[in-house]
C-alpha atoms as a PDB file:
ATOM      1  CA  MET A   1     -49.011 140.744 -27.947  1.00  0.00           C
ATOM      2  CA  LYS A   2     -48.103 137.078 -27.857  1.00  0.00           C
ATOM      3  CA  GLU A   3     -45.064 136.048 -29.893  1.00  0.00           C
ATOM      4  CA  LEU A   4     -44.952 132.805 -31.812  1.00  0.00           C
ATOM      5  CA  GLU A   5     -42.223 130.448 -30.750  1.00  0.00           C
ATOM      6  CA  LEU A   6     -40.600 128.509 -33.569  1.00  0.00           C
ATOM      7  CA  THR A   7     -39.407 125.048 -32.700  1.00  0.00           C
ATOM      8  CA  ASN A   8     -37.954 122.110 -34.555  1.00  0.00           C
ATOM      9  CA  GLU A   9     -40.627 119.788 -33.239  1.00  0.00           C
ATOM     10  CA  LYS A  10     -41.825 117.124 -35.622  1.00  0.00           C
ATOM     11  CA  LEU A  11     -45.426 117.298 -36.802  1.00  0.00           C
ATOM     12  CA  LYS A  12     -47.434 114.837 -34.715  1.00  0.00           C
ATOM     13  CA  LEU A  13     -50.206 113.109 -36.618  1.00  0.00           C
ATOM     14  CA  GLU A  14     -52.387 110.147 -35.795  1.00  0.00           C
ATOM     15  CA  TYR A  15     -52.599 107.705 -38.682  1.00  0.00           C
ATOM     16  CA  PRO A  16     -54.544 106.926 -40.712  1.00  0.00           C
ATOM     17  CA  CYS A  17     -55.420 110.552 -41.424  1.00  0.00           C
ATOM     18  CA  ASN A  18     -56.751 112.758 -44.173  1.00  0.00           C
ATOM     19  CA  TRP A  19     -53.968 114.601 -46.035  1.00  0.00           C
ATOM     20  CA  VAL A  20     -53.957 117.226 -48.781  1.00  0.00           C
ATOM     21  CA  TYR A  21     -51.108 117.723 -51.249  1.00  0.00           C
ATOM     22  CA  LYS A  22     -51.054 120.907 -53.316  1.00  0.00           C
ATOM     23  CA  ILE A  23     -49.762 120.167 -56.815  1.00  0.00           C
ATOM     24  CA  ILE A  24     -48.422 122.907 -59.101  1.00  0.00           C
ATOM     25  CA  THR A  25     -48.353 122.126 -62.826  1.00  0.00           C
ATOM     26  CA  GLN A  26     -48.500 123.666 -66.281  1.00  0.00           C
ATOM     27  CA  ASN A  27     -50.725 120.906 -67.645  1.00  0.00           C
ATOM     28  CA  ARG A  28     -53.735 119.862 -65.563  1.00  0.00           C
ATOM     29  CA  ASP A  29     -54.546 116.851 -67.739  1.00  0.00           C
ATOM     30  CA  ALA A  30     -51.002 115.458 -67.541  1.00  0.00           C
ATOM     31  CA  ALA A  31     -50.912 116.025 -63.768  1.00  0.00           C
ATOM     32  CA  ARG A  32     -54.305 114.319 -63.408  1.00  0.00           C
ATOM     33  CA  GLU A  33     -52.983 111.325 -65.366  1.00  0.00           C
ATOM     34  CA  ALA A  34     -49.836 111.215 -63.220  1.00  0.00           C
ATOM     35  CA  VAL A  35     -51.924 111.205 -60.046  1.00  0.00           C
ATOM     36  CA  GLU A  36     -54.226 108.480 -61.377  1.00  0.00           C
ATOM     37  CA  ASP A  37     -51.204 106.314 -62.285  1.00  0.00           C
ATOM     38  CA  LEU A  38     -49.674 106.808 -58.855  1.00  0.00           C
ATOM     39  CA  ILE A  39     -52.766 106.523 -56.649  1.00  0.00           C
ATOM     40  CA  LYS A  40     -54.448 103.775 -58.737  1.00  0.00           C
ATOM     41  CA  ASP A  41     -57.464 102.310 -56.882  1.00  0.00           C
ATOM     42  CA  LYS A  42     -57.005 104.290 -53.667  1.00  0.00           C
ATOM     43  CA  GLU A  43     -59.946 106.577 -52.963  1.00  0.00           C
ATOM     44  CA  HIS A  44     -58.963 110.216 -53.460  1.00  0.00           C
ATOM     45  CA  LYS A  45     -60.226 113.589 -54.559  1.00  0.00           C
ATOM     46  CA  LEU A  46     -58.314 115.755 -57.059  1.00  0.00           C
ATOM     47  CA  VAL A  47     -59.790 119.204 -57.535  1.00  0.00           C
ATOM     48  CA  PRO A  48     -58.569 122.275 -59.409  1.00  0.00           C
ATOM     49  CA  SER A  49     -57.442 125.130 -57.206  1.00  0.00           C
ATOM     50  CA  LYS A  50     -55.997 128.408 -58.498  1.00  0.00           C
ATOM     51  CA  ASN A  51     -54.319 129.567 -61.697  1.00  0.00           C
ATOM     52  CA  SER A  52     -51.381 131.947 -61.837  1.00  0.00           C
ATOM     53  CA  LYS A  53     -52.099 135.498 -62.923  1.00  0.00           C
ATOM     54  CA  THR A  54     -50.821 134.761 -66.442  1.00  0.00           C
ATOM     55  CA  GLY A  55     -52.490 131.341 -66.599  1.00  0.00           C
ATOM     56  CA  LYS A  56     -49.175 129.571 -67.211  1.00  0.00           C
ATOM     57  CA  TYR A  57     -49.336 127.629 -63.926  1.00  0.00           C
ATOM     58  CA  CYS A  58     -52.225 126.004 -62.144  1.00  0.00           C
ATOM     59  CA  SER A  59     -52.618 124.209 -58.869  1.00  0.00           C
ATOM     60  CA  MET A  60     -54.684 121.244 -57.800  1.00  0.00           C
ATOM     61  CA  ASN A  61     -55.476 119.763 -54.403  1.00  0.00           C
ATOM     62  CA  LEU A  62     -55.062 116.028 -53.961  1.00  0.00           C
ATOM     63  CA  GLU A  63     -56.906 114.783 -50.886  1.00  0.00           C
ATOM     64  CA  LEU A  64     -56.691 111.224 -49.608  1.00  0.00           C
ATOM     65  CA  VAL A  65     -56.271 109.132 -46.488  1.00  0.00           C
ATOM     66  CA  VAL A  66     -52.676 108.172 -45.712  1.00  0.00           C
ATOM     67  CA  GLU A  67     -52.002 105.154 -43.544  1.00  0.00           C
ATOM     68  CA  SER A  68     -48.613 106.179 -42.136  1.00  0.00           C
ATOM     69  CA  GLU A  69     -45.897 108.819 -42.256  1.00  0.00           C
ATOM     70  CA  GLU A  70     -43.936 106.528 -44.554  1.00  0.00           C
ATOM     71  CA  ALA A  71     -46.873 106.283 -46.981  1.00  0.00           C
ATOM     72  CA  ARG A  72     -47.388 110.066 -46.838  1.00  0.00           C
ATOM     73  CA  ASN A  73     -43.724 110.692 -47.662  1.00  0.00           C
ATOM     74  CA  GLU A  74     -43.676 108.053 -50.422  1.00  0.00           C
ATOM     75  CA  ILE A  75     -46.622 109.703 -52.177  1.00  0.00           C
ATOM     76  CA  TYR A  76     -44.954 113.122 -51.833  1.00  0.00           C
ATOM     77  CA  THR A  77     -41.698 111.796 -53.303  1.00  0.00           C
ATOM     78  CA  ALA A  78     -43.460 110.049 -56.190  1.00  0.00           C
ATOM     79  CA  LEU A  79     -45.491 113.169 -57.039  1.00  0.00           C
ATOM     80  CA  LYS A  80     -42.395 115.363 -56.877  1.00  0.00           C
ATOM     81  CA  ALA A  81     -40.458 112.988 -59.182  1.00  0.00           C
ATOM     82  CA  ASN A  82     -43.044 113.233 -61.959  1.00  0.00           C
ATOM     83  CA  PRO A  83     -41.942 115.636 -64.743  1.00  0.00           C
ATOM     84  CA  ASP A  84     -45.512 116.881 -65.293  1.00  0.00           C
ATOM     85  CA  ILE A  85     -45.683 118.083 -61.690  1.00  0.00           C
ATOM     86  CA  LEU A  86     -43.544 121.141 -61.041  1.00  0.00           C
ATOM     87  CA  MET A  87     -43.974 121.424 -57.287  1.00  0.00           C
ATOM     88  CA  VAL A  88     -45.686 119.609 -54.407  1.00  0.00           C
ATOM     89  CA  LEU A  89     -46.596 121.308 -51.158  1.00  0.00           C
END
């Protein structure tokens, strides 16, 4: 059986590339508004994903093309800073 080797290597991506952020929220409409305000005119797709067992939390997938690592990280940071978005993966 082959063992996986864990390394601290940085993820190597070629930009621009398609990227998906998973957004966890308690209010889909507020999260959708937050994404629209942040992304503005940039083409993207925001689709519902799963709900928690109790229905208190829901997730959404935000898919878009990012131009650089800096842009990818800026979007992540902006999403994470929004109070209507509980977690970004």
